[in-house]
PDB file of all heavy atoms in Angstrom:
ATOM      1  N   TYR A   1     -11.183   3.509   3.769  1.00  0.00           N
ATOM      2  CA  TYR A   1     -12.195   4.365   3.150  1.00  0.00           C
ATOM      3  C   TYR A   1     -11.507   5.271   2.125  1.00  0.00           C
ATOM      4  O   TYR A   1     -11.798   5.232   0.938  1.00  0.00           O
ATOM      5  CB  TYR A   1     -12.890   5.168   4.239  1.00  0.00           C
ATOM      6  CG  TYR A   1     -13.934   6.134   3.765  1.00  0.00           C
ATOM      7  CD1 TYR A   1     -14.991   5.715   2.955  1.00  0.00           C
ATOM      8  CD2 TYR A   1     -13.892   7.478   4.161  1.00  0.00           C
ATOM      9  CE1 TYR A   1     -15.966   6.608   2.539  1.00  0.00           C
ATOM     10  CE2 TYR A   1     -14.858   8.369   3.750  1.00  0.00           C
ATOM     11  CZ  TYR A   1     -15.895   7.944   2.941  1.00  0.00           C
ATOM     12  OH  TYR A   1     -16.855   8.828   2.525  1.00  0.00           O
ATOM     13  N   THR A   2     -10.533   6.048   2.597  1.00  0.00           N
ATOM     14  CA  THR A   2      -9.711   6.855   1.707  1.00  0.00           C
ATOM     15  C   THR A   2      -8.245   6.492   1.905  1.00  0.00           C
ATOM     16  O   THR A   2      -7.861   5.952   2.944  1.00  0.00           O
ATOM     17  CB  THR A   2      -9.905   8.351   1.970  1.00  0.00           C
ATOM     18  OG1 THR A   2      -9.552   8.631   3.338  1.00  0.00           O
ATOM     19  CG2 THR A   2     -11.338   8.771   1.724  1.00  0.00           C
ATOM     20  N   PHE A   3      -7.428   6.818   0.894  1.00  0.00           N
ATOM     21  CA  PHE A   3      -5.999   6.530   0.970  1.00  0.00           C
ATOM     22  C   PHE A   3      -5.253   7.650   0.258  1.00  0.00           C
ATOM     23  O   PHE A   3      -5.389   7.821  -0.953  1.00  0.00           O
ATOM     24  CB  PHE A   3      -5.685   5.191   0.308  1.00  0.00           C
ATOM     25  CG  PHE A   3      -4.247   4.753   0.466  1.00  0.00           C
ATOM     26  CD1 PHE A   3      -3.903   3.766   1.372  1.00  0.00           C
ATOM     27  CD2 PHE A   3      -3.233   5.339  -0.287  1.00  0.00           C
ATOM     28  CE1 PHE A   3      -2.582   3.361   1.529  1.00  0.00           C
ATOM     29  CE2 PHE A   3      -1.918   4.944  -0.145  1.00  0.00           C
ATOM     30  CZ  PHE A   3      -1.587   3.955   0.766  1.00  0.00           C
ATOM     31  N   THR A   4      -4.440   8.408   1.014  1.00  0.00           N
ATOM     32  CA  THR A   4      -3.617   9.461   0.411  1.00  0.00           C
ATOM     33  C   THR A   4      -2.213   9.512   0.999  1.00  0.00           C
ATOM     34  O   THR A   4      -1.407  10.327   0.573  1.00  0.00           O
ATOM     35  CB  THR A   4      -4.263  10.852   0.600  1.00  0.00           C
ATOM     36  OG1 THR A   4      -4.334  11.159   1.998  1.00  0.00           O
ATOM     37  CG2 THR A   4      -5.657  10.911  -0.003  1.00  0.00           C
ATOM     38  N   SER A   5      -1.901   8.661   1.960  1.00  0.00           N
ATOM     39  CA  SER A   5      -0.642   8.764   2.695  1.00  0.00           C
ATOM     40  C   SER A   5       0.542   8.281   1.857  1.00  0.00           C
ATOM     41  O   SER A   5       0.614   7.109   1.477  1.00  0.00           O
ATOM     42  CB  SER A   5      -0.713   7.950   3.988  1.00  0.00           C
ATOM     43  OG  SER A   5       0.561   7.904   4.611  1.00  0.00           O
ATOM     44  N   GLU A   6       1.497   9.176   1.604  1.00  0.00           N
ATOM     45  CA  GLU A   6       2.714   8.791   0.894  1.00  0.00           C
ATOM     46  C   GLU A   6       3.576   7.876   1.759  1.00  0.00           C
ATOM     47  O   GLU A   6       4.228   6.958   1.241  1.00  0.00           O
ATOM     48  CB  GLU A   6       3.494  10.046   0.497  1.00  0.00           C
ATOM     49  CG  GLU A   6       2.790  10.915  -0.538  1.00  0.00           C
ATOM     50  CD  GLU A   6       2.647  10.227  -1.884  1.00  0.00           C
ATOM     51  OE1 GLU A   6       3.451   9.323  -2.182  1.00  0.00           O
ATOM     52  OE2 GLU A   6       1.712  10.575  -2.638  1.00  0.00           O
ATOM     53  N   ARG A   7       3.608   8.106   3.077  1.00  0.00           N
ATOM     54  CA  ARG A   7       4.399   7.256   3.966  1.00  0.00           C
ATOM     55  C   ARG A   7       3.898   5.819   3.934  1.00  0.00           C
ATOM     56  O   ARG A   7       4.689   4.866   3.876  1.00  0.00           O
ATOM     57  CB  ARG A   7       4.360   7.795   5.405  1.00  0.00           C
ATOM     58  CG  ARG A   7       5.086   9.096   5.605  1.00  0.00           C
ATOM     59  CD  ARG A   7       4.810   9.667   6.984  1.00  0.00           C
ATOM     60  NE  ARG A   7       5.393   8.855   8.037  1.00  0.00           N
ATOM     61  CZ  ARG A   7       4.694   8.276   9.015  1.00  0.00           C
ATOM     62  NH1 ARG A   7       3.375   8.392   9.045  1.00  0.00           N
ATOM     63  NH2 ARG A   7       5.309   7.575   9.948  1.00  0.00           N
ATOM     64  N   VAL A   8       2.592   5.671   3.972  1.00  0.00           N
ATOM     65  CA  VAL A   8       2.023   4.324   3.915  1.00  0.00           C
ATOM     66  C   VAL A   8       2.260   3.710   2.537  1.00  0.00           C
ATOM     67  O   VAL A   8       2.599   2.527   2.411  1.00  0.00           O
ATOM     68  CB  VAL A   8       0.527   4.354   4.269  1.00  0.00           C
ATOM     69  CG1 VAL A   8      -0.105   2.979   4.068  1.00  0.00           C
ATOM     70  CG2 VAL A   8       0.325   4.817   5.715  1.00  0.00           C
ATOM     71  N   ALA A   9       2.099   4.513   1.483  1.00  0.00           N
ATOM     72  CA  ALA A   9       2.360   4.010   0.131  1.00  0.00           C
ATOM     73  C   ALA A   9       3.801   3.529   0.008  1.00  0.00           C
ATOM     74  O   ALA A   9       4.075   2.472  -0.579  1.00  0.00           O
ATOM     75  CB  ALA A   9       2.060   5.091  -0.901  1.00  0.00           C
ATOM     76  N   ASP A  10       4.737   4.290   0.565  1.00  0.00           N
ATOM     77  CA  ASP A  10       6.148   3.879   0.525  1.00  0.00           C
ATOM     78  C   ASP A  10       6.341   2.532   1.217  1.00  0.00           C
ATOM     79  O   ASP A  10       7.076   1.662   0.717  1.00  0.00           O
ATOM     80  CB  ASP A  10       7.021   4.932   1.212  1.00  0.00           C
ATOM     81  CG  ASP A  10       7.135   6.221   0.406  1.00  0.00           C
ATOM     82  OD1 ASP A  10       6.803   6.205  -0.791  1.00  0.00           O
ATOM     83  OD2 ASP A  10       7.545   7.248   0.997  1.00  0.00           O
ATOM     84  N   ALA A  11       5.701   2.350   2.370  1.00  0.00           N
ATOM     85  CA  ALA A  11       5.836   1.094   3.112  1.00  0.00           C
ATOM     86  C   ALA A  11       5.251  -0.075   2.328  1.00  0.00           C
ATOM     87  O   ALA A  11       5.824  -1.174   2.309  1.00  0.00           O
ATOM     88  CB  ALA A  11       5.159   1.216   4.475  1.00  0.00           C
ATOM     89  N   LEU A  12       4.124   0.145   1.658  1.00  0.00           N
ATOM     90  CA  LEU A  12       3.500  -0.924   0.886  1.00  0.00           C
ATOM     91  C   LEU A  12       4.333  -1.286  -0.341  1.00  0.00           C
ATOM     92  O   LEU A  12       4.489  -2.471  -0.677  1.00  0.00           O
ATOM     93  CB  LEU A  12       2.088  -0.510   0.464  1.00  0.00           C
ATOM     94  CG  LEU A  12       1.079  -0.248   1.587  1.00  0.00           C
ATOM     95  CD1 LEU A  12      -0.268   0.163   1.006  1.00  0.00           C
ATOM     96  CD2 LEU A  12       0.921  -1.455   2.485  1.00  0.00           C
ATOM     97  N   ILE A  13       4.853  -0.288  -1.011  1.00  0.00           N
ATOM     98  CA  ILE A  13       5.666  -0.551  -2.197  1.00  0.00           C
ATOM     99  C   ILE A  13       6.951  -1.278  -1.809  1.00  0.00           C
ATOM    100  O   ILE A  13       7.386  -2.229  -2.490  1.00  0.00           O
ATOM    101  CB  ILE A  13       5.968   0.770  -2.933  1.00  0.00           C
ATOM    102  CG1 ILE A  13       4.680   1.324  -3.549  1.00  0.00           C
ATOM    103  CG2 ILE A  13       7.034   0.566  -4.009  1.00  0.00           C
ATOM    104  CD1 ILE A  13       4.804   2.730  -4.100  1.00  0.00           C
ATOM    105  N   ALA A  14       7.563  -0.860  -0.707  1.00  0.00           N
ATOM    106  CA  ALA A  14       8.769  -1.542  -0.239  1.00  0.00           C
ATOM    107  C   ALA A  14       8.463  -3.003   0.104  1.00  0.00           C
ATOM    108  O   ALA A  14       9.262  -3.909  -0.182  1.00  0.00           O
ATOM    109  CB  ALA A  14       9.347  -0.816   0.974  1.00  0.00           C
ATOM    110  N   ALA A  15       7.310  -3.251   0.706  1.00  0.00           N
ATOM    111  CA  ALA A  15       6.920  -4.619   1.036  1.00  0.00           C
ATOM    112  C   ALA A  15       6.715  -5.440  -0.234  1.00  0.00           C
ATOM    113  O   ALA A  15       7.164  -6.593  -0.332  1.00  0.00           O
ATOM    114  CB  ALA A  15       5.654  -4.614   1.884  1.00  0.00           C
ATOM    115  N   GLU A  16       6.053  -4.874  -1.228  1.00  0.00           N
ATOM    116  CA  GLU A  16       5.842  -5.567  -2.495  1.00  0.00           C
ATOM    117  C   GLU A  16       7.169  -5.937  -3.148  1.00  0.00           C
ATOM    118  O   GLU A  16       7.343  -7.052  -3.656  1.00  0.00           O
ATOM    119  CB  GLU A  16       5.016  -4.667  -3.436  1.00  0.00           C
ATOM    120  CG  GLU A  16       4.801  -5.221  -4.828  1.00  0.00           C
ATOM    121  CD  GLU A  16       3.843  -6.383  -4.867  1.00  0.00           C
ATOM    122  OE1 GLU A  16       2.993  -6.499  -3.958  1.00  0.00           O
ATOM    123  OE2 GLU A  16       3.932  -7.184  -5.821  1.00  0.00           O
ATOM    124  N   ARG A  17       8.126  -5.032  -3.073  1.00  0.00           N
ATOM    125  CA  ARG A  17       9.420  -5.276  -3.713  1.00  0.00           C
ATOM    126  C   ARG A  17      10.212  -6.380  -3.021  1.00  0.00           C
ATOM    127  O   ARG A  17      11.050  -7.028  -3.662  1.00  0.00           O
ATOM    128  CB  ARG A  17      10.218  -3.978  -3.741  1.00  0.00           C
ATOM    129  CG  ARG A  17       9.693  -2.980  -4.776  1.00  0.00           C
ATOM    130  CD  ARG A  17      10.382  -1.648  -4.690  1.00  0.00           C
ATOM    131  NE  ARG A  17       9.889  -0.740  -5.739  1.00  0.00           N
ATOM    132  CZ  ARG A  17      10.132   0.564  -5.771  1.00  0.00           C
ATOM    133  NH1 ARG A  17      10.866   1.126  -4.804  1.00  0.00           N
ATOM    134  NH2 ARG A  17       9.651   1.306  -6.738  1.00  0.00           N
ATOM    135  N   ARG A  18       9.981  -6.597  -1.738  1.00  0.00           N
ATOM    136  CA  ARG A  18      10.708  -7.676  -1.060  1.00  0.00           C
ATOM    137  C   ARG A  18       9.907  -8.979  -1.025  1.00  0.00           C
ATOM    138  O   ARG A  18      10.237  -9.905  -0.286  1.00  0.00           O
ATOM    139  CB  ARG A  18      11.128  -7.249   0.344  1.00  0.00           C
ATOM    140  CG  ARG A  18      10.033  -6.959   1.327  1.00  0.00           C
ATOM    141  CD  ARG A  18      10.599  -6.621   2.722  1.00  0.00           C
ATOM    142  NE  ARG A  18       9.542  -6.400   3.677  1.00  0.00           N
ATOM    143  CZ  ARG A  18       9.002  -5.234   3.948  1.00  0.00           C
ATOM    144  NH1 ARG A  18       9.436  -4.129   3.318  1.00  0.00           N
ATOM    145  NH2 ARG A  18       8.018  -5.129   4.834  1.00  0.00           N
ATOM    146  N   GLY A  19       8.862  -9.049  -1.822  1.00  0.00           N
ATOM    147  CA  GLY A  19       8.146 -10.299  -2.000  1.00  0.00           C
ATOM    148  C   GLY A  19       6.920 -10.488  -1.148  1.00  0.00           C
ATOM    149  O   GLY A  19       6.321 -11.576  -1.162  1.00  0.00           O
ATOM    150  N   VAL A  20       6.487  -9.466  -0.421  1.00  0.00           N
ATOM    151  CA  VAL A  20       5.272  -9.554   0.378  1.00  0.00           C
ATOM    152  C   VAL A  20       4.054  -9.431  -0.548  1.00  0.00           C
ATOM    153  O   VAL A  20       4.039  -8.610  -1.472  1.00  0.00           O
ATOM    154  CB  VAL A  20       5.239  -8.434   1.445  1.00  0.00           C
ATOM    155  CG1 VAL A  20       3.922  -8.453   2.224  1.00  0.00           C
ATOM    156  CG2 VAL A  20       6.423  -8.573   2.398  1.00  0.00           C
ATOM    157  N   ALA A  21       3.036 -10.246  -0.317  1.00  0.00           N
ATOM    158  CA  ALA A  21       1.783 -10.135  -1.070  1.00  0.00           C
ATOM    159  C   ALA A  21       0.981  -8.961  -0.511  1.00  0.00           C
ATOM    160  O   ALA A  21       0.541  -9.002   0.643  1.00  0.00           O
ATOM    161  CB  ALA A  21       0.972 -11.420  -0.952  1.00  0.00           C
ATOM    162  N   VAL A  22       0.823  -7.906  -1.302  1.00  0.00           N
ATOM    163  CA  VAL A  22       0.181  -6.671  -0.831  1.00  0.00           C
ATOM    164  C   VAL A  22      -1.092  -6.436  -1.627  1.00  0.00           C
ATOM    165  O   VAL A  22      -1.076  -6.421  -2.866  1.00  0.00           O
ATOM    166  CB  VAL A  22       1.121  -5.461  -0.977  1.00  0.00           C
ATOM    167  CG1 VAL A  22       0.446  -4.202  -0.422  1.00  0.00           C
ATOM    168  CG2 VAL A  22       2.444  -5.712  -0.258  1.00  0.00           C
ATOM    169  N   ARG A  23      -2.193  -6.246  -0.914  1.00  0.00           N
ATOM    170  CA  ARG A  23      -3.480  -5.947  -1.532  1.00  0.00           C
ATOM    171  C   ARG A  23      -4.104  -4.762  -0.808  1.00  0.00           C
ATOM    172  O   ARG A  23      -3.976  -4.631   0.422  1.00  0.00           O
ATOM    173  CB  ARG A  23      -4.421  -7.152  -1.456  1.00  0.00           C
ATOM    174  CG  ARG A  23      -3.877  -8.409  -2.115  1.00  0.00           C
ATOM    175  CD  ARG A  23      -4.845  -9.574  -1.971  1.00  0.00           C
ATOM    176  NE  ARG A  23      -6.089  -9.338  -2.689  1.00  0.00           N
ATOM    177  CZ  ARG A  23      -7.151 -10.149  -2.648  1.00  0.00           C
ATOM    178  NH1 ARG A  23      -7.107 -11.246  -1.892  1.00  0.00           N
ATOM    179  NH2 ARG A  23      -8.241  -9.883  -3.329  1.00  0.00           N
ATOM    180  N   VAL A  24      -4.788  -3.909  -1.551  1.00  0.00           N
ATOM    181  CA  VAL A  24      -5.413  -2.707  -0.992  1.00  0.00           C
ATOM    182  C   VAL A  24      -6.849  -2.633  -1.494  1.00  0.00           C
ATOM    183  O   VAL A  24      -7.111  -2.840  -2.687  1.00  0.00           O
ATOM    184  CB  VAL A  24      -4.640  -1.434  -1.388  1.00  0.00           C
ATOM    185  CG1 VAL A  24      -5.410  -0.177  -0.980  1.00  0.00           C
ATOM    186  CG2 VAL A  24      -3.247  -1.424  -0.760  1.00  0.00           C
ATOM    187  N   LEU A  25      -7.776  -2.326  -0.583  1.00  0.00           N
ATOM    188  CA  LEU A  25      -9.191  -2.146  -0.935  1.00  0.00           C
ATOM    189  C   LEU A  25      -9.699  -0.883  -0.264  1.00  0.00           C
ATOM    190  O   LEU A  25      -9.648  -0.766   0.966  1.00  0.00           O
ATOM    191  CB  LEU A  25     -10.013  -3.348  -0.475  1.00  0.00           C
ATOM    192  CG  LEU A  25     -11.521  -3.287  -0.759  1.00  0.00           C
ATOM    193  CD1 LEU A  25     -11.788  -3.311  -2.265  1.00  0.00           C
ATOM    194  CD2 LEU A  25     -12.249  -4.441  -0.077  1.00  0.00           C
ATOM    195  N   VAL A  26     -10.177   0.071  -1.065  1.00  0.00           N
ATOM    196  CA  VAL A  26     -10.720   1.322  -0.539  1.00  0.00           C
ATOM    197  C   VAL A  26     -12.053   1.608  -1.216  1.00  0.00           C
ATOM    198  O   VAL A  26     -12.440   0.944  -2.176  1.00  0.00           O
ATOM    199  CB  VAL A  26      -9.748   2.498  -0.746  1.00  0.00           C
ATOM    200  CG1 VAL A  26      -8.468   2.298   0.065  1.00  0.00           C
ATOM    201  CG2 VAL A  26      -9.417   2.686  -2.222  1.00  0.00           C
ATOM    202  N   ASP A  27     -12.755   2.613  -0.713  1.00  0.00           N
ATOM    203  CA  ASP A  27     -14.044   2.975  -1.284  1.00  0.00           C
ATOM    204  C   ASP A  27     -13.864   3.666  -2.634  1.00  0.00           C
ATOM    205  O   ASP A  27     -12.912   4.431  -2.837  1.00  0.00           O
ATOM    206  CB  ASP A  27     -14.804   3.903  -0.336  1.00  0.00           C
ATOM    207  CG  ASP A  27     -16.242   4.077  -0.751  1.00  0.00           C
ATOM    208  OD1 ASP A  27     -17.034   3.143  -0.523  1.00  0.00           O
ATOM    209  OD2 ASP A  27     -16.577   5.128  -1.330  1.00  0.00           O
ATOM    210  N   ALA A  28     -14.777   3.399  -3.552  1.00  0.00           N
ATOM    211  CA  ALA A  28     -14.674   3.987  -4.889  1.00  0.00           C
ATOM    212  C   ALA A  28     -15.031   5.471  -4.894  1.00  0.00           C
ATOM    213  O   ALA A  28     -14.369   6.266  -5.572  1.00  0.00           O
ATOM    214  CB  ALA A  28     -15.591   3.233  -5.859  1.00  0.00           C
TER     215      ALA A  28
END
């Protein structure tokens, strides 16, 4: 629904950098 967590953002970015397919969908 909402997304503001820097810790979660760090984990997602790290995953993207190691080749994981990362997609995010939140409410507009």
